[in-house]
Amino acid sequence: MTQESELQLETTANGVLGSLALTIAPGTKAAARDRALDGALARPLADAAAKLSVVLAAAPSTFAFQQPGKDDRGRTRFLVSGRVEGDRLVPARP
């Protein structure tokens, strides 16, 4: 399954915040969707964590929260959010 994605991610003093648009075929199982999210987010989140001098506390896919609707290219939209807790970057629910 070929994935087309667009990621915007900002590092703040308290964590990360951004958005991701990812092509996910209809009927895709949750495990396959999570693997696609992991692939799209692993490197950018690791870079953001390093910039904040913390480590990721969870799989990259757990930082992504699906948003209603699709973008103008038909891709599934996700909010990407994490906060610093001690020396870890943890997913932050919107």
C-alpha atoms as a PDB file:
ATOM      1  CA  MET A   1       0.000   0.000   0.000  1.00  0.00           C
ATOM      2  CA  THR A   2       1.599   3.274  -1.152  1.00  0.00           C
ATOM      3  CA  GLN A   3       1.104   6.117   1.282  1.00  0.00           C
ATOM      4  CA  GLU A   4       0.981   9.783   0.343  1.00  0.00           C
ATOM      5  CA  SER A   5       1.336  12.067   3.331  1.00  0.00           C
ATOM      6  CA  GLU A   6       1.830  15.674   4.314  1.00  0.00           C
ATOM      7  CA  LEU A   7       3.115  16.508   7.790  1.00  0.00           C
ATOM      8  CA  GLN A   8       3.392  19.835   9.574  1.00  0.00           C
ATOM      9  CA  LEU A   9       4.961  19.555  13.029  1.00  0.00           C
ATOM     10  CA  GLU A  10       6.038  22.296  15.432  1.00  0.00           C
ATOM     11  CA  THR A  11       8.197  21.845  18.495  1.00  0.00           C
ATOM     12  CA  THR A  12       7.135  24.034  21.416  1.00  0.00           C
ATOM     13  CA  ALA A  13       8.624  24.479  24.871  1.00  0.00           C
ATOM     14  CA  ASN A  14       6.099  21.974  26.241  1.00  0.00           C
ATOM     15  CA  GLY A  15       5.958  19.407  23.433  1.00  0.00           C
ATOM     16  CA  VAL A  16       4.878  19.042  19.819  1.00  0.00           C
ATOM     17  CA  LEU A  17       1.792  20.045  17.866  1.00  0.00           C
ATOM     18  CA  GLY A  18       0.949  19.548  14.233  1.00  0.00           C
ATOM     19  CA  SER A  19      -1.161  17.953  11.579  1.00  0.00           C
ATOM     20  CA  LEU A  20      -0.827  15.025   9.218  1.00  0.00           C
ATOM     21  CA  ALA A  21      -2.784  14.199   6.081  1.00  0.00           C
ATOM     22  CA  LEU A  22      -2.319  10.571   5.046  1.00  0.00           C
ATOM     23  CA  THR A  23      -3.780   8.519   2.218  1.00  0.00           C
ATOM     24  CA  ILE A  24      -5.497   5.516   3.765  1.00  0.00           C
ATOM     25  CA  ALA A  25      -7.504   3.194   1.564  1.00  0.00           C
ATOM     26  CA  PRO A  26     -11.101   2.496   2.576  1.00  0.00           C
ATOM     27  CA  GLY A  27     -11.373  -0.711   4.598  1.00  0.00           C
ATOM     28  CA  THR A  28      -7.802  -0.504   5.913  1.00  0.00           C
ATOM     29  CA  LYS A  29      -7.469  -2.402   9.195  1.00  0.00           C
ATOM     30  CA  ALA A  30      -6.383  -0.480  12.304  1.00  0.00           C
ATOM     31  CA  ALA A  31      -3.057  -2.330  12.531  1.00  0.00           C
ATOM     32  CA  ALA A  32      -2.158  -1.371   8.942  1.00  0.00           C
ATOM     33  CA  ARG A  33      -3.237   2.235   9.579  1.00  0.00           C
ATOM     34  CA  ASP A  34      -1.043   2.357  12.697  1.00  0.00           C
ATOM     35  CA  ARG A  35       1.944   1.001  10.738  1.00  0.00           C
ATOM     36  CA  ALA A  36       1.427   3.758   8.144  1.00  0.00           C
ATOM     37  CA  LEU A  37       1.243   6.355  10.929  1.00  0.00           C
ATOM     38  CA  ASP A  38       4.394   4.937  12.535  1.00  0.00           C
ATOM     39  CA  GLY A  39       6.192   5.211   9.196  1.00  0.00           C
ATOM     40  CA  ALA A  40       5.105   8.796   8.631  1.00  0.00           C
ATOM     41  CA  LEU A  41       5.763  10.003  12.192  1.00  0.00           C
ATOM     42  CA  ALA A  42       8.714   8.001  13.548  1.00  0.00           C
ATOM     43  CA  ARG A  43      11.539  10.185  12.248  1.00  0.00           C
ATOM     44  CA  PRO A  44       9.893  13.608  12.747  1.00  0.00           C
ATOM     45  CA  LEU A  45       8.824  12.753  16.316  1.00  0.00           C
ATOM     46  CA  ALA A  46      12.264  11.330  17.149  1.00  0.00           C
ATOM     47  CA  ASP A  47      13.862  14.534  15.823  1.00  0.00           C
ATOM     48  CA  ALA A  48      11.437  16.681  17.853  1.00  0.00           C
ATOM     49  CA  ALA A  49      12.108  14.616  20.997  1.00  0.00           C
ATOM     50  CA  ALA A  50      15.859  15.016  20.505  1.00  0.00           C
ATOM     51  CA  LYS A  51      15.409  18.767  20.082  1.00  0.00           C
ATOM     52  CA  LEU A  52      13.522  18.808  23.409  1.00  0.00           C
ATOM     53  CA  SER A  53      16.164  16.550  25.050  1.00  0.00           C
ATOM     54  CA  VAL A  54      13.562  13.868  25.838  1.00  0.00           C
ATOM     55  CA  VAL A  55      12.680  10.404  24.516  1.00  0.00           C
ATOM     56  CA  LEU A  56       9.456   9.082  23.009  1.00  0.00           C
ATOM     57  CA  ALA A  57       7.336   7.281  25.593  1.00  0.00           C
ATOM     58  CA  ALA A  58       5.028   5.542  23.109  1.00  0.00           C
ATOM     59  CA  ALA A  59       4.697   4.390  19.516  1.00  0.00           C
ATOM     60  CA  PRO A  60       4.527   7.267  17.018  1.00  0.00           C
ATOM     61  CA  SER A  61       1.011   6.271  15.939  1.00  0.00           C
ATOM     62  CA  THR A  62      -0.320   7.031  19.436  1.00  0.00           C
ATOM     63  CA  PHE A  63       0.515  10.728  18.945  1.00  0.00           C
ATOM     64  CA  ALA A  64      -1.959  10.945  16.018  1.00  0.00           C
ATOM     65  CA  PHE A  65      -5.671  11.583  16.566  1.00  0.00           C
ATOM     66  CA  GLN A  66      -8.001  11.200  13.585  1.00  0.00           C
ATOM     67  CA  GLN A  67     -10.022  14.288  12.702  1.00  0.00           C
ATOM     68  CA  PRO A  68     -13.443  14.344  11.043  1.00  0.00           C
ATOM     69  CA  GLY A  69     -13.600  14.545   7.266  1.00  0.00           C
ATOM     70  CA  LYS A  70     -10.885  14.439   4.626  1.00  0.00           C
ATOM     71  CA  ASP A  71      -8.588  17.093   3.195  1.00  0.00           C
ATOM     72  CA  ASP A  72      -9.066  18.505  -0.316  1.00  0.00           C
ATOM     73  CA  ARG A  73      -7.081  15.584  -1.801  1.00  0.00           C
ATOM     74  CA  GLY A  74      -9.166  12.915  -0.047  1.00  0.00           C
ATOM     75  CA  ARG A  75      -6.561  12.091   2.606  1.00  0.00           C
ATOM     76  CA  THR A  76      -7.442  11.252   6.191  1.00  0.00           C
ATOM     77  CA  ARG A  77      -6.571  14.088   8.580  1.00  0.00           C
ATOM     78  CA  PHE A  78      -4.865  13.652  11.950  1.00  0.00           C
ATOM     79  CA  LEU A  79      -3.940  16.008  14.757  1.00  0.00           C
ATOM     80  CA  VAL A  80      -0.444  15.208  16.065  1.00  0.00           C
ATOM     81  CA  SER A  81       0.062  16.180  19.690  1.00  0.00           C
ATOM     82  CA  GLY A  82       2.504  15.375  22.477  1.00  0.00           C
ATOM     83  CA  ARG A  83       3.639  16.937  25.726  1.00  0.00           C
ATOM     84  CA  VAL A  84       6.826  16.737  27.754  1.00  0.00           C
ATOM     85  CA  GLU A  85       6.514  14.923  31.077  1.00  0.00           C
ATOM     86  CA  GLY A  86       9.835  14.723  32.858  1.00  0.00           C
ATOM     87  CA  ASP A  87      12.297  13.283  30.373  1.00  0.00           C
ATOM     88  CA  ARG A  88       9.651  11.778  28.053  1.00  0.00           C
ATOM     89  CA  LEU A  89       7.422  12.955  25.199  1.00  0.00           C
ATOM     90  CA  VAL A  90       3.970  11.450  25.725  1.00  0.00           C
ATOM     91  CA  PRO A  91       0.844  11.585  23.535  1.00  0.00           C
ATOM     92  CA  ALA A  92      -1.481  14.446  24.477  1.00  0.00           C
ATOM     93  CA  ARG A  93      -5.202  14.112  23.832  1.00  0.00           C
ATOM     94  CA  PRO A  94      -6.700  17.194  22.163  1.00  0.00           C
END
